[in-house]
Amino acid sequence: MPALNGPTGYGVVTKTLHWLTVLALIVQFTVGYGMETVSEWVSGTDDSDADEAGVFVHGAIGGGILVLASVRLIWRLATPLPPWSERLTTTDRRIESLLEKVLYVLLFAIPLSGLALLYLSGEERDVAEDVEWQPPYELLDGDLLLAAHVAGHLCFYAVLLLHVGLAVRRRTLTRIL
């Protein structure tokens, strides 16, 4: 299989970046939605005074996703895509093109909103017994940032459903496997 995208399909680099992103997002959403369990694991206790220690694991993964998204975007801009699948209609192609752009925006917006919530909201975090972490800045409203973060998730799920649904419907999923 060629490293670069070509007339026969996606190359190894594109496929690897795609599936690393999928894996990172699965881990991130699992950690995010299981924050209490992660906090217990990180702090070594189920003490409620350490109930937010996992947020730093979540933030670190978010930082990794930002790096991965940056590499993906640079690769995407520097490397031509293979030809469209003949199974996709003109409308399908327009939709898929739009979905790709929205997914890229969300790959940056969701982690950035989460990191802003962690570092720019001024909200203290209980990270260990009798230990609180104070964010370095209090520039943005925590409730607004949390709403933006959750809204990003909802948009992501909707766009992902459309993206995968189109690939399954038109039987093009094998192009990225």
Protein backbone atom coordinates (compact mmCIF):
# COMPACT_ATOMS: atom_id res chain seq x y z
CA MET A 1 0.00 0.00 0.00
CA PRO A 2 1.46 3.40 -0.95
CA ALA A 3 2.31 5.95 1.72
CA LEU A 4 0.64 8.81 -0.16
CA ASN A 5 -2.91 9.22 -1.42
CA GLY A 6 -3.24 8.38 -5.07
CA PRO A 7 -5.60 7.34 -7.82
CA THR A 8 -6.20 4.00 -6.11
CA GLY A 9 -7.23 5.47 -2.75
CA TYR A 10 -6.01 6.79 0.55
CA GLY A 11 -2.37 6.19 1.50
CA VAL A 12 -1.00 4.67 4.68
CA VAL A 13 -0.23 8.06 6.25
CA THR A 14 -3.78 9.37 5.76
CA LYS A 15 -5.32 6.14 7.03
CA THR A 16 -3.00 6.07 10.05
CA LEU A 17 -3.79 9.67 10.98
CA HIS A 18 -7.51 8.99 10.52
CA TRP A 19 -7.57 5.93 12.79
CA LEU A 20 -5.25 7.49 15.40
CA THR A 21 -7.73 10.35 15.60
CA VAL A 22 -10.63 7.93 15.99
CA LEU A 23 -8.77 6.06 18.74
CA ALA A 24 -7.80 9.30 20.54
CA LEU A 25 -11.40 10.51 20.43
CA ILE A 26 -12.73 7.21 21.79
CA VAL A 27 -10.23 7.37 24.67
CA GLN A 28 -11.00 11.06 25.26
CA PHE A 29 -14.77 10.63 25.38
CA THR A 30 -14.40 7.56 27.61
CA VAL A 31 -12.17 9.47 30.03
CA GLY A 32 -14.41 12.52 29.89
CA TYR A 33 -17.63 10.68 30.59
CA GLY A 34 -15.94 8.49 33.21
CA MET A 35 -14.25 11.40 34.97
CA GLU A 36 -15.12 10.25 38.48
CA THR A 37 -13.60 6.81 37.91
CA VAL A 38 -10.52 8.32 36.28
CA SER A 39 -10.14 10.73 39.21
CA GLU A 40 -10.26 7.80 41.65
CA TRP A 41 -7.61 6.01 39.60
CA VAL A 42 -5.35 9.08 39.34
CA SER A 43 -5.68 10.11 42.99
CA GLY A 44 -5.71 6.59 44.39
CA THR A 45 -8.79 7.35 46.46
CA ASP A 46 -12.53 7.66 46.10
CA ASP A 47 -12.43 10.67 48.42
CA SER A 48 -14.68 13.46 47.14
CA ASP A 49 -11.82 15.89 47.82
CA ALA A 50 -10.03 14.40 44.81
CA ASP A 51 -13.01 14.15 42.50
CA GLU A 52 -11.54 16.35 39.79
CA ALA A 53 -8.02 14.94 39.43
CA GLY A 54 -9.03 13.16 36.22
CA VAL A 55 -9.70 16.47 34.53
CA PHE A 56 -5.95 16.84 34.03
CA VAL A 57 -5.74 13.47 32.26
CA HIS A 58 -8.67 14.63 30.12
CA GLY A 59 -6.88 17.92 29.42
CA ALA A 60 -3.63 16.17 28.46
CA ILE A 61 -5.47 13.94 26.00
CA GLY A 62 -7.19 17.05 24.63
CA GLY A 63 -3.77 18.62 24.08
CA GLY A 64 -2.69 15.48 22.24
CA ILE A 65 -5.79 15.69 20.05
CA LEU A 66 -4.89 19.28 19.18
CA VAL A 67 -1.43 18.16 18.09
CA LEU A 68 -2.89 15.27 16.10
CA ALA A 69 -5.49 17.54 14.49
CA SER A 70 -2.75 20.00 13.52
CA VAL A 71 -0.67 17.26 11.91
CA ARG A 72 -3.77 15.95 10.11
CA LEU A 73 -4.68 19.39 8.82
CA ILE A 74 -1.15 20.08 7.58
CA TRP A 75 -1.10 16.66 5.90
CA ARG A 76 -4.55 17.24 4.39
CA LEU A 77 -3.52 20.63 2.96
CA ALA A 78 -0.20 19.31 1.63
CA THR A 79 -1.46 16.05 0.13
CA PRO A 80 -4.07 15.74 -2.60
CA LEU A 81 -7.03 13.48 -1.95
CA PRO A 82 -7.73 10.44 -4.08
CA PRO A 83 -10.57 10.73 -6.60
CA TRP A 84 -14.12 10.62 -5.19
CA SER A 85 -15.77 7.23 -5.06
CA GLU A 86 -18.05 6.70 -8.03
CA ARG A 87 -20.71 5.61 -5.55
CA LEU A 88 -21.07 9.16 -4.25
CA THR A 89 -23.49 11.50 -6.00
CA THR A 90 -22.70 15.17 -6.53
CA THR A 91 -24.87 15.99 -3.51
CA ASP A 92 -23.08 13.33 -1.42
CA ARG A 93 -19.74 14.89 -2.36
CA ARG A 94 -20.87 18.36 -1.33
CA ILE A 95 -22.20 17.02 1.95
CA GLU A 96 -19.02 15.03 2.65
CA SER A 97 -16.85 18.04 1.84
CA LEU A 98 -18.83 20.18 4.30
CA LEU A 99 -18.76 17.45 6.96
CA GLU A 100 -14.98 17.19 6.66
CA LYS A 101 -14.61 20.93 7.26
CA VAL A 102 -16.95 20.86 10.26
CA LEU A 103 -15.12 17.86 11.75
CA TYR A 104 -11.81 19.70 11.45
CA VAL A 105 -13.26 22.76 13.17
CA LEU A 106 -14.61 20.55 15.96
CA LEU A 107 -11.26 18.73 16.35
CA PHE A 108 -9.88 22.11 17.41
CA ALA A 109 -12.92 23.74 19.05
CA ILE A 110 -13.78 20.96 21.50
CA PRO A 111 -10.30 20.54 23.02
CA LEU A 112 -9.71 24.30 23.04
CA SER A 113 -12.98 24.94 24.87
CA GLY A 114 -12.06 22.24 27.40
CA LEU A 115 -8.57 23.63 27.96
CA ALA A 116 -10.03 27.13 28.28
CA LEU A 117 -12.42 25.77 30.90
CA LEU A 118 -9.47 24.28 32.77
CA TYR A 119 -7.04 27.20 32.52
CA LEU A 120 -9.08 30.36 31.87
CA SER A 121 -12.25 29.99 33.93
CA GLY A 122 -10.84 30.65 37.38
CA GLU A 123 -12.70 27.60 38.72
CA GLU A 124 -10.80 25.75 41.42
CA ARG A 125 -10.41 21.98 41.16
CA ASP A 126 -10.22 19.51 44.04
CA VAL A 127 -7.31 17.33 42.97
CA ALA A 128 -6.29 15.63 46.21
CA GLU A 129 -7.25 15.60 49.84
CA ASP A 130 -6.91 19.18 51.02
CA VAL A 131 -5.31 20.21 47.71
CA GLU A 132 -7.03 22.57 45.32
CA TRP A 133 -5.71 23.65 41.95
CA GLN A 134 -6.27 27.28 41.05
CA PRO A 135 -6.30 28.08 37.31
CA PRO A 136 -3.73 30.69 36.31
CA TYR A 137 -6.34 33.02 34.80
CA GLU A 138 -9.93 34.03 35.30
CA LEU A 139 -10.75 35.45 31.88
CA LEU A 140 -13.88 33.60 30.77
CA ASP A 141 -17.09 32.43 32.42
CA GLY A 142 -16.89 28.74 33.35
CA ASP A 143 -20.59 28.11 32.65
CA LEU A 144 -20.26 29.60 29.17
CA LEU A 145 -17.16 27.51 28.45
CA LEU A 146 -18.84 24.35 29.71
CA ALA A 147 -21.88 25.07 27.51
CA ALA A 148 -19.59 25.58 24.50
CA HIS A 149 -17.73 22.36 25.30
CA VAL A 150 -20.94 20.30 25.58
CA ALA A 151 -22.42 21.96 22.48
CA GLY A 152 -19.25 20.95 20.64
CA HIS A 153 -19.84 17.34 21.68
CA LEU A 154 -23.42 17.42 20.43
CA CYS A 155 -22.35 18.91 17.09
CA PHE A 156 -19.59 16.33 16.83
CA TYR A 157 -21.99 13.43 17.37
CA ALA A 158 -24.42 14.79 14.78
CA VAL A 159 -21.70 15.35 12.17
CA LEU A 160 -20.09 11.99 12.91
CA LEU A 161 -23.45 10.25 12.47
CA LEU A 162 -23.90 11.93 9.09
CA HIS A 163 -20.31 11.19 8.03
CA VAL A 164 -20.40 7.50 8.95
CA GLY A 165 -24.00 7.15 7.78
CA LEU A 166 -23.10 8.43 4.33
CA ALA A 167 -20.10 6.10 4.13
CA VAL A 168 -22.21 3.10 5.15
CA ARG A 169 -25.14 4.07 2.91
CA ARG A 170 -22.92 4.47 -0.17
CA ARG A 171 -20.69 1.54 0.82
CA THR A 172 -17.51 3.63 0.77
CA LEU A 173 -16.31 2.76 4.27
CA THR A 174 -13.74 0.30 2.95
CA ARG A 175 -11.80 3.16 1.31
CA ILE A 176 -10.44 4.26 4.70
CA LEU A 177 -9.91 0.80 6.25
